[in-house]
Amino acid sequence: MSGLFVVKVLISALVIALASELAKRDSFWGALLVALPLTSILAISWLYAETRDNTLVTRFARDIFLLVPGSLLFFLPFLLETKTRLGFLPNLFAGLVLLALAVWGMRRVLA
């Protein structure tokens, strides 16, 4: 395991932990931190730092851009919770199913 990998894991974990701590205090600020494309920024930065390959970074950014709209379907069951009253685990499962279907569909479209 390289030192760079450990640094990447620590920074990524810090961002996730900070978002959940902020959300405990005020959901708006936690959501804002998560809504920022921090994962994409970090992943694109790590990819470039390790490869210095602009073509690979461009393809990676394009794929992220194309997958973001479909990934928003994950949140739909949670947004409908006040009407469905399903609870956390069913909403999580439904969101993951919607996300999987969106990724599968986008993969087929791009193939």
Protein backbone atom coordinates (compact mmCIF):
# COMPACT_ATOMS: atom_id res chain seq x y z
CA MET A 1 0.00 0.00 0.00
CA SER A 2 1.51 3.30 -1.06
CA GLY A 3 1.71 6.44 1.03
CA LEU A 4 -0.39 8.29 -1.56
CA PHE A 5 -3.18 5.71 -1.19
CA VAL A 6 -3.24 6.24 2.58
CA VAL A 7 -3.38 10.03 2.10
CA LYS A 8 -6.27 9.63 -0.38
CA VAL A 9 -8.21 7.43 2.04
CA LEU A 10 -7.65 9.79 4.96
CA ILE A 11 -8.70 12.92 3.06
CA SER A 12 -11.75 11.17 1.59
CA ALA A 13 -12.77 9.81 5.01
CA LEU A 14 -12.36 13.26 6.54
CA VAL A 15 -14.71 14.81 3.97
CA ILE A 16 -17.37 12.13 4.60
CA ALA A 17 -17.05 12.42 8.38
CA LEU A 18 -17.23 16.21 8.21
CA ALA A 19 -20.39 16.07 6.09
CA SER A 20 -22.15 13.73 8.51
CA GLU A 21 -21.11 15.83 11.52
CA LEU A 22 -22.35 19.01 9.83
CA ALA A 23 -25.64 17.30 8.98
CA LYS A 24 -26.18 16.44 12.66
CA ARG A 25 -26.02 20.15 13.51
CA ASP A 26 -27.75 21.56 10.44
CA SER A 27 -28.83 19.40 7.52
CA PHE A 28 -28.40 22.32 5.09
CA TRP A 29 -24.64 22.63 5.67
CA GLY A 30 -24.09 18.88 5.58
CA ALA A 31 -26.07 18.69 2.35
CA LEU A 32 -24.12 21.59 0.87
CA LEU A 33 -20.82 19.85 1.54
CA VAL A 34 -22.09 16.64 -0.03
CA ALA A 35 -23.74 18.45 -2.96
CA LEU A 36 -20.42 19.97 -3.92
CA PRO A 37 -18.71 17.60 -6.31
CA LEU A 38 -15.99 16.91 -3.74
CA THR A 39 -15.74 13.24 -4.58
CA SER A 40 -15.32 14.10 -8.24
CA ILE A 41 -12.82 16.85 -7.48
CA LEU A 42 -10.76 14.51 -5.31
CA ALA A 43 -10.97 11.58 -7.73
CA ILE A 44 -10.07 13.71 -10.76
CA SER A 45 -7.20 15.29 -8.84
CA TRP A 46 -5.85 11.93 -7.65
CA LEU A 47 -6.19 10.47 -11.16
CA TYR A 48 -4.26 13.34 -12.72
CA ALA A 49 -1.61 13.35 -9.97
CA GLU A 50 -0.97 9.65 -10.52
CA THR A 51 -1.19 9.48 -14.33
CA ARG A 52 -0.66 13.01 -15.73
CA ASP A 53 -2.96 11.78 -18.52
CA ASN A 54 -5.30 14.57 -19.67
CA THR A 55 -7.16 12.25 -22.04
CA LEU A 56 -7.97 9.81 -19.24
CA VAL A 57 -9.03 12.66 -16.93
CA THR A 58 -11.27 14.09 -19.68
CA ARG A 59 -12.97 10.71 -20.28
CA PHE A 60 -13.41 10.26 -16.54
CA ALA A 61 -14.95 13.74 -16.16
CA ARG A 62 -17.27 13.11 -19.12
CA ASP A 63 -18.48 9.83 -17.62
CA ILE A 64 -19.12 11.51 -14.25
CA PHE A 65 -21.05 14.29 -16.00
CA LEU A 66 -23.23 11.77 -17.83
CA LEU A 67 -23.93 9.69 -14.72
CA VAL A 68 -24.86 12.52 -12.34
CA PRO A 69 -28.47 13.01 -13.58
CA GLY A 70 -29.27 9.31 -13.22
CA SER A 71 -27.63 9.15 -9.80
CA LEU A 72 -30.10 11.75 -8.54
CA LEU A 73 -32.80 9.06 -8.76
CA PHE A 74 -31.25 7.55 -5.62
CA PHE A 75 -32.78 10.39 -3.58
CA LEU A 76 -36.32 10.02 -4.94
CA PRO A 77 -37.59 7.50 -2.34
CA PHE A 78 -36.33 9.74 0.48
CA LEU A 79 -38.07 12.75 -1.03
CA LEU A 80 -41.31 10.77 -1.15
CA GLU A 81 -40.99 9.54 2.46
CA THR A 82 -43.67 11.87 3.79
CA LYS A 83 -46.18 10.20 1.47
CA THR A 84 -44.92 6.59 1.49
CA ARG A 85 -43.84 6.29 5.15
CA LEU A 86 -41.61 3.35 4.16
CA GLY A 87 -38.77 4.12 6.57
CA PHE A 88 -35.04 4.31 6.10
CA LEU A 89 -34.08 0.80 4.96
CA PRO A 90 -36.82 0.40 2.32
CA ASN A 91 -36.02 3.88 1.01
CA LEU A 92 -32.32 3.05 0.90
CA PHE A 93 -33.00 -0.20 -0.96
CA ALA A 94 -35.41 1.49 -3.40
CA GLY A 95 -32.88 4.27 -4.00
CA LEU A 96 -30.13 1.75 -4.69
CA VAL A 97 -32.38 -0.12 -7.13
CA LEU A 98 -33.21 3.12 -8.94
CA LEU A 99 -29.53 4.02 -9.03
CA ALA A 100 -28.59 0.58 -10.41
CA LEU A 101 -31.25 0.84 -13.10
CA ALA A 102 -30.07 4.33 -14.07
CA VAL A 103 -26.44 3.20 -14.31
CA TRP A 104 -27.44 0.11 -16.27
CA GLY A 105 -29.50 2.23 -18.66
CA MET A 106 -26.73 4.79 -19.14
CA ARG A 107 -24.22 2.02 -19.76
CA ARG A 108 -26.46 0.59 -22.49
CA VAL A 109 -26.96 4.01 -24.06
CA LEU A 110 -23.23 4.72 -24.11
CA ALA A 111 -22.29 1.26 -25.44
